[in-house]
Amino acid sequence: MVQKIVPEAWVRMPSEEELRAQIPQDADFPYDFGFYPAMMRLIRAHGRIGQAFGALFAQIMFSPEGELDRREREMVAAVAAAAQDCRY
């Protein structure tokens, strides 16, 4: 029997230093808690898809349009993530 070797799948996650270099220090960045969340690292690891997802996220969370204010949007995001057992 011939054993087939399957390469491991992995995604190179950007380092903290790489993330800090991508985001201007003078920017009003609402998610800088002294560290960057794991989801941000994952999004930044995927160039084209990450940019599109980031733009969608910014529109959903920060658009002045809509019935929910920023705090309510954050609460919905947190509850939805918890309901899906999302660790990000």
C-alpha atoms as a PDB file:
ATOM      1  CA  MET A   1       0.000   0.000   0.000  1.00  0.00           C
ATOM      2  CA  VAL A   2       1.352   3.399  -1.011  1.00  0.00           C
ATOM      3  CA  GLN A   3       0.884   6.095   1.594  1.00  0.00           C
ATOM      4  CA  LYS A   4      -0.030   9.476   0.177  1.00  0.00           C
ATOM      5  CA  ILE A   5       1.682  12.433   1.838  1.00  0.00           C
ATOM      6  CA  VAL A   6      -0.643  15.376   2.278  1.00  0.00           C
ATOM      7  CA  PRO A   7       0.941  18.720   3.106  1.00  0.00           C
ATOM      8  CA  GLU A   8      -0.363  20.506   6.162  1.00  0.00           C
ATOM      9  CA  ALA A   9      -2.668  23.429   5.547  1.00  0.00           C
ATOM     10  CA  TRP A  10      -1.752  26.632   7.319  1.00  0.00           C
ATOM     11  CA  VAL A  11      -2.041  30.359   7.045  1.00  0.00           C
ATOM     12  CA  ARG A  12       0.807  32.637   8.028  1.00  0.00           C
ATOM     13  CA  MET A  13      -0.592  35.058  10.575  1.00  0.00           C
ATOM     14  CA  PRO A  14       0.906  38.570  10.622  1.00  0.00           C
ATOM     15  CA  SER A  15       2.921  39.475  13.687  1.00  0.00           C
ATOM     16  CA  GLU A  16       2.019  42.256  16.098  1.00  0.00           C
ATOM     17  CA  GLU A  17       4.759  44.387  14.536  1.00  0.00           C
ATOM     18  CA  GLU A  18       3.396  43.820  11.022  1.00  0.00           C
ATOM     19  CA  LEU A  19      -0.105  44.815  12.120  1.00  0.00           C
ATOM     20  CA  ARG A  20       1.159  47.963  13.836  1.00  0.00           C
ATOM     21  CA  ALA A  21       3.043  48.920  10.652  1.00  0.00           C
ATOM     22  CA  GLN A  22      -0.160  48.565   8.590  1.00  0.00           C
ATOM     23  CA  ILE A  23      -2.299  50.779  10.823  1.00  0.00           C
ATOM     24  CA  PRO A  24      -1.272  54.430  11.200  1.00  0.00           C
ATOM     25  CA  GLN A  25      -0.480  55.264  14.810  1.00  0.00           C
ATOM     26  CA  ASP A  26      -2.388  58.539  14.623  1.00  0.00           C
ATOM     27  CA  ALA A  27      -5.529  56.819  13.330  1.00  0.00           C
ATOM     28  CA  ASP A  28      -8.613  56.716  15.501  1.00  0.00           C
ATOM     29  CA  PHE A  29      -8.592  52.925  15.743  1.00  0.00           C
ATOM     30  CA  PRO A  30     -11.368  51.674  18.060  1.00  0.00           C
ATOM     31  CA  TYR A  31     -10.018  48.141  18.564  1.00  0.00           C
ATOM     32  CA  ASP A  32      -6.534  48.805  19.919  1.00  0.00           C
ATOM     33  CA  PHE A  33      -6.655  47.272  23.383  1.00  0.00           C
ATOM     34  CA  GLY A  34      -2.869  47.207  23.680  1.00  0.00           C
ATOM     35  CA  PHE A  35      -2.983  44.142  21.448  1.00  0.00           C
ATOM     36  CA  TYR A  36      -4.781  43.324  18.229  1.00  0.00           C
ATOM     37  CA  PRO A  37      -7.641  40.827  18.335  1.00  0.00           C
ATOM     38  CA  ALA A  38      -7.060  37.407  16.758  1.00  0.00           C
ATOM     39  CA  MET A  39      -9.802  38.030  14.204  1.00  0.00           C
ATOM     40  CA  MET A  40      -7.890  41.053  12.925  1.00  0.00           C
ATOM     41  CA  ARG A  41      -4.809  38.898  12.438  1.00  0.00           C
ATOM     42  CA  LEU A  42      -6.855  36.342  10.538  1.00  0.00           C
ATOM     43  CA  ILE A  43      -8.459  38.967   8.301  1.00  0.00           C
ATOM     44  CA  ARG A  44      -5.103  40.625   7.566  1.00  0.00           C
ATOM     45  CA  ALA A  45      -3.631  37.225   6.647  1.00  0.00           C
ATOM     46  CA  HIS A  46      -5.861  37.066   3.553  1.00  0.00           C
ATOM     47  CA  GLY A  47      -5.025  40.001   1.275  1.00  0.00           C
ATOM     48  CA  ARG A  48      -7.915  40.380  -1.184  1.00  0.00           C
ATOM     49  CA  ILE A  49     -10.569  38.651   0.930  1.00  0.00           C
ATOM     50  CA  GLY A  50      -9.412  40.444   4.059  1.00  0.00           C
ATOM     51  CA  GLN A  51      -9.712  43.854   2.409  1.00  0.00           C
ATOM     52  CA  ALA A  52     -13.248  43.119   1.222  1.00  0.00           C
ATOM     53  CA  PHE A  53     -14.285  41.737   4.613  1.00  0.00           C
ATOM     54  CA  GLY A  54     -12.686  44.705   6.381  1.00  0.00           C
ATOM     55  CA  ALA A  55     -14.622  47.155   4.200  1.00  0.00           C
ATOM     56  CA  LEU A  56     -17.871  45.280   4.878  1.00  0.00           C
ATOM     57  CA  PHE A  57     -17.142  45.204   8.611  1.00  0.00           C
ATOM     58  CA  ALA A  58     -16.406  48.949   8.654  1.00  0.00           C
ATOM     59  CA  GLN A  59     -19.660  49.678   6.825  1.00  0.00           C
ATOM     60  CA  ILE A  60     -21.691  47.548   9.229  1.00  0.00           C
ATOM     61  CA  MET A  61     -20.078  48.774  12.439  1.00  0.00           C
ATOM     62  CA  PHE A  62     -19.368  52.437  11.695  1.00  0.00           C
ATOM     63  CA  SER A  63     -21.930  53.598   9.135  1.00  0.00           C
ATOM     64  CA  PRO A  64     -24.076  56.475  10.390  1.00  0.00           C
ATOM     65  CA  GLU A  65     -27.027  54.824   8.656  1.00  0.00           C
ATOM     66  CA  GLY A  66     -29.212  52.250  10.352  1.00  0.00           C
ATOM     67  CA  GLU A  67     -31.331  51.915  13.450  1.00  0.00           C
ATOM     68  CA  LEU A  68     -28.671  50.614  15.854  1.00  0.00           C
ATOM     69  CA  ASP A  69     -26.041  52.785  17.482  1.00  0.00           C
ATOM     70  CA  ARG A  70     -22.408  51.650  17.792  1.00  0.00           C
ATOM     71  CA  ARG A  71     -22.842  50.071  21.238  1.00  0.00           C
ATOM     72  CA  GLU A  72     -25.841  48.067  20.075  1.00  0.00           C
ATOM     73  CA  ARG A  73     -23.952  46.870  16.998  1.00  0.00           C
ATOM     74  CA  GLU A  74     -21.058  45.712  19.185  1.00  0.00           C
ATOM     75  CA  MET A  75     -23.493  43.890  21.469  1.00  0.00           C
ATOM     76  CA  VAL A  76     -25.130  42.091  18.528  1.00  0.00           C
ATOM     77  CA  ALA A  77     -21.681  41.072  17.239  1.00  0.00           C
ATOM     78  CA  ALA A  78     -20.644  39.762  20.669  1.00  0.00           C
ATOM     79  CA  VAL A  79     -23.852  37.793  21.190  1.00  0.00           C
ATOM     80  CA  ALA A  80     -23.711  36.322  17.684  1.00  0.00           C
ATOM     81  CA  ALA A  81     -20.085  35.270  18.171  1.00  0.00           C
ATOM     82  CA  ALA A  82     -20.840  33.719  21.561  1.00  0.00           C
ATOM     83  CA  ALA A  83     -23.862  31.841  20.177  1.00  0.00           C
ATOM     84  CA  GLN A  84     -21.575  30.300  17.551  1.00  0.00           C
ATOM     85  CA  ASP A  85     -18.905  29.475  20.153  1.00  0.00           C
ATOM     86  CA  CYS A  86     -16.516  31.709  18.214  1.00  0.00           C
ATOM     87  CA  ARG A  87     -13.288  32.290  20.078  1.00  0.00           C
ATOM     88  CA  TYR A  88     -12.386  35.290  17.958  1.00  0.00           C
END
